[in-house]
């Protein structure tokens, strides 16, 4: 079932909120990728030295720092 909406203001507001949500998502993703890139060498070094658990913990810490 579809509903036709013929209210330009409503459609404009929905589009505006959608665009803002996409911008927020992209910004967060960019920040996360930057943080991961900064910590990449440390994570890889820990994987080589001590195994994957410590590397996972470092990766998780990088992600949590984004919150």
PDB file of N, CA and C in Angstrom:
ATOM      1  N   UNK A   1       0.844  -1.168   0.000  1.00  0.00           N
ATOM      2  CA  UNK A   1       0.000   0.000   0.000  1.00  0.00           C
ATOM      3  C   UNK A   1       0.895   1.238   0.000  1.00  0.00           C
ATOM      4  N   UNK A   2       0.618   2.135  -0.871  1.00  0.00           N
ATOM      5  CA  UNK A   2       1.406   3.362  -0.914  1.00  0.00           C
ATOM      6  C   UNK A   2       0.507   4.563  -0.653  1.00  0.00           C
ATOM      7  N   UNK A   3       1.113   5.557  -0.087  1.00  0.00           N
ATOM      8  CA  UNK A   3       0.384   6.781   0.220  1.00  0.00           C
ATOM      9  C   UNK A   3       1.001   7.887  -0.623  1.00  0.00           C
ATOM     10  N   UNK A   4       0.174   8.596  -1.336  1.00  0.00           N
ATOM     11  CA  UNK A   4       0.651   9.722  -2.121  1.00  0.00           C
ATOM     12  C   UNK A   4       0.616  10.971  -1.254  1.00  0.00           C
ATOM     13  N   UNK A   5       1.717  11.657  -1.212  1.00  0.00           N
ATOM     14  CA  UNK A   5       1.790  12.884  -0.431  1.00  0.00           C
ATOM     15  C   UNK A   5       1.969  14.027  -1.407  1.00  0.00           C
ATOM     16  N   UNK A   6       1.057  14.966  -1.322  1.00  0.00           N
ATOM     17  CA  UNK A   6       1.067  16.077  -2.261  1.00  0.00           C
ATOM     18  C   UNK A   6       1.304  17.390  -1.517  1.00  0.00           C
ATOM     19  N   UNK A   7       2.199  17.358  -0.569  1.00  0.00           N
ATOM     20  CA  UNK A   7       2.514  18.542   0.220  1.00  0.00           C
ATOM     21  C   UNK A   7       4.000  18.833   0.042  1.00  0.00           C
ATOM     22  N   UNK A   8       4.294  19.864  -0.721  1.00  0.00           N
ATOM     23  CA  UNK A   8       5.683  20.186  -1.042  1.00  0.00           C
ATOM     24  C   UNK A   8       6.524  20.473   0.201  1.00  0.00           C
ATOM     25  N   UNK A   9       5.940  21.116   1.199  1.00  0.00           N
ATOM     26  CA  UNK A   9       6.690  21.410   2.422  1.00  0.00           C
ATOM     27  C   UNK A   9       7.079  20.123   3.143  1.00  0.00           C
ATOM     28  N   UNK A  10       6.149  19.186   3.216  1.00  0.00           N
ATOM     29  CA  UNK A  10       6.422  17.911   3.873  1.00  0.00           C
ATOM     30  C   UNK A  10       7.528  17.155   3.139  1.00  0.00           C
ATOM     31  N   UNK A  11       7.408  17.095   1.831  1.00  0.00           N
ATOM     32  CA  UNK A  11       8.416  16.409   1.015  1.00  0.00           C
ATOM     33  C   UNK A  11       9.773  17.088   1.176  1.00  0.00           C
ATOM     34  N   UNK A  12       9.785  18.406   1.170  1.00  0.00           N
ATOM     35  CA  UNK A  12      11.024  19.152   1.341  1.00  0.00           C
ATOM     36  C   UNK A  12      11.651  18.872   2.705  1.00  0.00           C
ATOM     37  N   UNK A  13      10.828  18.809   3.738  1.00  0.00           N
ATOM     38  CA  UNK A  13      11.334  18.530   5.083  1.00  0.00           C
ATOM     39  C   UNK A  13      11.902  17.113   5.174  1.00  0.00           C
ATOM     40  N   UNK A  14      11.201  16.156   4.591  1.00  0.00           N
ATOM     41  CA  UNK A  14      11.697  14.773   4.579  1.00  0.00           C
ATOM     42  C   UNK A  14      13.041  14.694   3.855  1.00  0.00           C
ATOM     43  N   UNK A  15      13.140  15.342   2.711  1.00  0.00           N
ATOM     44  CA  UNK A  15      14.403  15.344   1.964  1.00  0.00           C
ATOM     45  C   UNK A  15      15.516  16.010   2.763  1.00  0.00           C
ATOM     46  N   UNK A  16      15.192  17.103   3.418  1.00  0.00           N
ATOM     47  CA  UNK A  16      16.178  17.815   4.222  1.00  0.00           C
ATOM     48  C   UNK A  16      16.711  16.931   5.348  1.00  0.00           C
ATOM     49  N   UNK A  17      15.817  16.246   6.049  1.00  0.00           N
ATOM     50  CA  UNK A  17      16.238  15.346   7.126  1.00  0.00           C
ATOM     51  C   UNK A  17      17.052  14.170   6.576  1.00  0.00           C
ATOM     52  N   UNK A  18      16.659  13.666   5.429  1.00  0.00           N
ATOM     53  CA  UNK A  18      17.392  12.553   4.816  1.00  0.00           C
ATOM     54  C   UNK A  18      18.807  12.971   4.436  1.00  0.00           C
ATOM     55  N   UNK A  19      18.932  14.146   3.859  1.00  0.00           N
ATOM     56  CA  UNK A  19      20.246  14.657   3.468  1.00  0.00           C
ATOM     57  C   UNK A  19      21.118  14.869   4.699  1.00  0.00           C
ATOM     58  N   UNK A  20      20.541  15.419   5.759  1.00  0.00           N
ATOM     59  CA  UNK A  20      21.301  15.632   6.995  1.00  0.00           C
ATOM     60  C   UNK A  20      21.753  14.305   7.597  1.00  0.00           C
ATOM     61  N   UNK A  21      20.890  13.309   7.563  1.00  0.00           N
ATOM     62  CA  UNK A  21      21.258  11.986   8.083  1.00  0.00           C
ATOM     63  C   UNK A  21      22.406  11.388   7.274  1.00  0.00           C
ATOM     64  N   UNK A  22      22.369  11.547   5.970  1.00  0.00           N
ATOM     65  CA  UNK A  22      23.441  11.035   5.109  1.00  0.00           C
ATOM     66  C   UNK A  22      24.746  11.770   5.402  1.00  0.00           C
ATOM     67  N   UNK A  23      24.675  13.088   5.566  1.00  0.00           N
ATOM     68  CA  UNK A  23      25.878  13.867   5.892  1.00  0.00           C
ATOM     69  C   UNK A  23      26.491  13.402   7.213  1.00  0.00           C
ATOM     70  N   UNK A  24      25.647  13.184   8.207  1.00  0.00           N
ATOM     71  CA  UNK A  24      26.126  12.717   9.505  1.00  0.00           C
ATOM     72  C   UNK A  24      26.782  11.352   9.375  1.00  0.00           C
ATOM     73  N   UNK A  25      26.155  10.464   8.616  1.00  0.00           N
ATOM     74  CA  UNK A  25      26.714   9.133   8.401  1.00  0.00           C
ATOM     75  C   UNK A  25      28.082   9.217   7.729  1.00  0.00           C
ATOM     76  N   UNK A  26      28.180  10.018   6.683  1.00  0.00           N
ATOM     77  CA  UNK A  26      29.442  10.141   5.947  1.00  0.00           C
ATOM     78  C   UNK A  26      30.527  10.737   6.845  1.00  0.00           C
ATOM     79  N   UNK A  27      30.176  11.769   7.610  1.00  0.00           N
ATOM     80  CA  UNK A  27      31.147  12.390   8.516  1.00  0.00           C
ATOM     81  C   UNK A  27      31.650  11.378   9.546  1.00  0.00           C
ATOM     82  N   UNK A  28      30.741  10.622  10.126  1.00  0.00           N
ATOM     83  CA  UNK A  28      31.120   9.619  11.118  1.00  0.00           C
ATOM     84  C   UNK A  28      31.997   8.539  10.492  1.00  0.00           C
ATOM     85  N   UNK A  29      31.636   8.105   9.301  1.00  0.00           N
ATOM     86  CA  UNK A  29      32.431   7.087   8.610  1.00  0.00           C
ATOM     87  C   UNK A  29      33.834   7.609   8.299  1.00  0.00           C
ATOM     88  N   UNK A  30      33.926   8.866   7.869  1.00  0.00           N
ATOM     89  CA  UNK A  30      35.236   9.451   7.580  1.00  0.00           C
ATOM     90  C   UNK A  30      36.086   9.543   8.844  1.00  0.00           C
ATOM     91  N   UNK A  31      35.475   9.946   9.957  1.00  0.00           N
ATOM     92  CA  UNK A  31      36.206  10.031  11.222  1.00  0.00           C
ATOM     93  C   UNK A  31      36.673   8.651  11.676  1.00  0.00           C
ATOM     94  N   UNK A  32      35.808   7.670  11.519  1.00  0.00           N
ATOM     95  CA  UNK A  32      36.172   6.305  11.903  1.00  0.00           C
ATOM     96  C   UNK A  32      37.336   5.799  11.057  1.00  0.00           C
ATOM     97  N   UNK A  33      37.270   6.018   9.761  1.00  0.00           N
ATOM     98  CA  UNK A  33      38.346   5.562   8.882  1.00  0.00           C
ATOM     99  C   UNK A  33      39.660   6.272   9.217  1.00  0.00           C
ATOM    100  N   UNK A  34      39.587   7.551   9.555  1.00  0.00           N
ATOM    101  CA  UNK A  34      40.794   8.291   9.932  1.00  0.00           C
ATOM    102  C   UNK A  34      41.391   7.700  11.204  1.00  0.00           C
ATOM    103  N   UNK A  35      40.550   7.419  12.191  1.00  0.00           N
ATOM    104  CA  UNK A  35      41.026   6.851  13.456  1.00  0.00           C
ATOM    105  C   UNK A  35      41.636   5.466  13.229  1.00  0.00           C
ATOM    106  N   UNK A  36      40.980   4.659  12.419  1.00  0.00           N
ATOM    107  CA  UNK A  36      41.510   3.327  12.117  1.00  0.00           C
ATOM    108  C   UNK A  36      42.852   3.448  11.395  1.00  0.00           C
ATOM    109  N   UNK A  37      42.942   4.379  10.463  1.00  0.00           N
ATOM    110  CA  UNK A  37      44.194   4.580   9.729  1.00  0.00           C
ATOM    111  C   UNK A  37      45.310   5.003  10.679  1.00  0.00           C
ATOM    112  N   UNK A  38      44.978   5.882  11.643  1.00  0.00           N
ATOM    113  CA  UNK A  38      45.978   6.322  12.619  1.00  0.00           C
ATOM    114  C   UNK A  38      46.486   5.154  13.459  1.00  0.00           C
ATOM    115  N   UNK A  39      45.612   4.240  13.805  1.00  0.00           N
ATOM    116  CA  UNK A  39      45.966   3.128  14.684  1.00  0.00           C
ATOM    117  C   UNK A  39      46.352   1.856  13.931  1.00  0.00           C
ATOM    118  N   UNK A  40      46.327   1.904  12.603  1.00  0.00           N
ATOM    119  CA  UNK A  40      46.548   0.703  11.801  1.00  0.00           C
ATOM    120  C   UNK A  40      47.891   0.040  12.096  1.00  0.00           C
ATOM    121  N   UNK A  41      48.948   0.807  12.120  1.00  0.00           N
ATOM    122  CA  UNK A  41      50.275   0.227  12.342  1.00  0.00           C
ATOM    123  C   UNK A  41      50.365  -0.432  13.707  1.00  0.00           C
ATOM    124  N   UNK A  42      49.820   0.227  14.724  1.00  0.00           N
ATOM    125  CA  UNK A  42      49.836  -0.356  16.072  1.00  0.00           C
ATOM    126  C   UNK A  42      49.052  -1.667  16.102  1.00  0.00           C
ATOM    127  N   UNK A  43      47.907  -1.679  15.457  1.00  0.00           N
ATOM    128  CA  UNK A  43      47.075  -2.884  15.426  1.00  0.00           C
ATOM    129  C   UNK A  43      47.804  -4.012  14.698  1.00  0.00           C
ATOM    130  N   UNK A  44      48.390  -3.714  13.547  1.00  0.00           N
ATOM    131  CA  UNK A  44      49.113  -4.738  12.785  1.00  0.00           C
ATOM    132  C   UNK A  44      50.322  -5.262  13.556  1.00  0.00           C
ATOM    133  N   UNK A  45      51.014  -4.361  14.242  1.00  0.00           N
ATOM    134  CA  UNK A  45      52.170  -4.775  15.042  1.00  0.00           C
ATOM    135  C   UNK A  45      51.743  -5.727  16.160  1.00  0.00           C
ATOM    136  N   UNK A  46      50.643  -5.421  16.813  1.00  0.00           N
ATOM    137  CA  UNK A  46      50.155  -6.286  17.884  1.00  0.00           C
ATOM    138  C   UNK A  46      49.710  -7.638  17.337  1.00  0.00           C
ATOM    139  N   UNK A  47      49.159  -7.634  16.132  1.00  0.00           N
ATOM    140  CA  UNK A  47      48.771  -8.907  15.514  1.00  0.00           C
ATOM    141  C   UNK A  47      50.003  -9.773  15.291  1.00  0.00           C
ATOM    142  N   UNK A  48      51.082  -9.160  14.844  1.00  0.00           N
ATOM    143  CA  UNK A  48      52.319  -9.901  14.598  1.00  0.00           C
ATOM    144  C   UNK A  48      52.964 -10.371  15.898  1.00  0.00           C
ATOM    145  N   UNK A  49      52.946  -9.526  16.917  1.00  0.00           N
ATOM    146  CA  UNK A  49      53.632  -9.827  18.171  1.00  0.00           C
ATOM    147  C   UNK A  49      52.847 -10.743  19.092  1.00  0.00           C
ATOM    148  N   UNK A  50      51.586 -10.413  19.307  1.00  0.00           N
ATOM    149  CA  UNK A  50      50.870 -11.065  20.398  1.00  0.00           C
ATOM    150  C   UNK A  50      49.608 -11.795  19.982  1.00  0.00           C
ATOM    151  N   UNK A  51      49.295 -11.810  18.739  1.00  0.00           N
ATOM    152  CA  UNK A  51      48.095 -12.515  18.312  1.00  0.00           C
ATOM    153  C   UNK A  51      46.923 -11.574  18.115  1.00  0.00           C
ATOM    154  N   UNK A  52      45.846 -12.149  17.713  1.00  0.00           N
ATOM    155  CA  UNK A  52      44.723 -11.344  17.254  1.00  0.00           C
ATOM    156  C   UNK A  52      43.869 -10.746  18.369  1.00  0.00           C
ATOM    157  N   UNK A  53      43.880 -11.298  19.571  1.00  0.00           N
ATOM    158  CA  UNK A  53      43.019 -10.751  20.625  1.00  0.00           C
ATOM    159  C   UNK A  53      43.395  -9.310  20.972  1.00  0.00           C
ATOM    160  N   UNK A  54      44.664  -9.056  21.183  1.00  0.00           N
ATOM    161  CA  UNK A  54      45.089  -7.700  21.520  1.00  0.00           C
ATOM    162  C   UNK A  54      44.849  -6.749  20.347  1.00  0.00           C
ATOM    163  N   UNK A  55      45.038  -7.240  19.135  1.00  0.00           N
ATOM    164  CA  UNK A  55      44.763  -6.422  17.958  1.00  0.00           C
ATOM    165  C   UNK A  55      43.281  -6.084  17.892  1.00  0.00           C
ATOM    166  N   UNK A  56      42.440  -7.074  18.166  1.00  0.00           N
ATOM    167  CA  UNK A  56      40.997  -6.832  18.182  1.00  0.00           C
ATOM    168  C   UNK A  56      40.648  -5.785  19.237  1.00  0.00           C
ATOM    169  N   UNK A  57      41.255  -5.894  20.414  1.00  0.00           N
ATOM    170  CA  UNK A  57      40.975  -4.930  21.476  1.00  0.00           C
ATOM    171  C   UNK A  57      41.392  -3.522  21.057  1.00  0.00           C
ATOM    172  N   UNK A  58      42.511  -3.393  20.369  1.00  0.00           N
ATOM    173  CA  UNK A  58      42.949  -2.086  19.878  1.00  0.00           C
ATOM    174  C   UNK A  58      41.986  -1.545  18.835  1.00  0.00           C
ATOM    175  N   UNK A  59      41.537  -2.421  17.945  1.00  0.00           N
ATOM    176  CA  UNK A  59      40.579  -2.021  16.916  1.00  0.00           C
ATOM    177  C   UNK A  59      39.274  -1.576  17.566  1.00  0.00           C
ATOM    178  N   UNK A  60      38.808  -2.346  18.542  1.00  0.00           N
ATOM    179  CA  UNK A  60      37.570  -2.015  19.251  1.00  0.00           C
ATOM    180  C   UNK A  60      37.718  -0.671  19.968  1.00  0.00           C
ATOM    181  N   UNK A  61      38.872  -0.441  20.579  1.00  0.00           N
ATOM    182  CA  UNK A  61      39.135   0.822  21.268  1.00  0.00           C
ATOM    183  C   UNK A  61      39.078   1.989  20.280  1.00  0.00           C
ATOM    184  N   UNK A  62      39.629   1.799  19.087  1.00  0.00           N
ATOM    185  CA  UNK A  62      39.587   2.849  18.067  1.00  0.00           C
ATOM    186  C   UNK A  62      38.150   3.168  17.684  1.00  0.00           C
ATOM    187  N   UNK A  63      37.334   2.142  17.543  1.00  0.00           N
ATOM    188  CA  UNK A  63      35.930   2.356  17.190  1.00  0.00           C
ATOM    189  C   UNK A  63      35.190   3.038  18.336  1.00  0.00           C
ATOM    190  N   UNK A  64      35.411   2.585  19.569  1.00  0.00           N
ATOM    191  CA  UNK A  64      34.721   3.163  20.724  1.00  0.00           C
ATOM    192  C   UNK A  64      35.096   4.625  20.928  1.00  0.00           C
ATOM    193  N   UNK A  65      36.298   5.014  20.545  1.00  0.00           N
ATOM    194  CA  UNK A  65      36.710   6.405  20.727  1.00  0.00           C
ATOM    195  C   UNK A  65      35.915   7.348  19.832  1.00  0.00           C
ATOM    196  N   UNK A  66      35.217   6.800  18.852  1.00  0.00           N
ATOM    197  CA  UNK A  66      34.397   7.615  17.954  1.00  0.00           C
ATOM    198  C   UNK A  66      33.072   8.004  18.585  1.00  0.00           C
ATOM    199  N   UNK A  67      32.666   7.332  19.634  1.00  0.00           N
ATOM    200  CA  UNK A  67      31.362   7.609  20.239  1.00  0.00           C
ATOM    201  C   UNK A  67      31.366   8.887  21.019  1.00  0.00           C
TER     202      UNK A  67
END
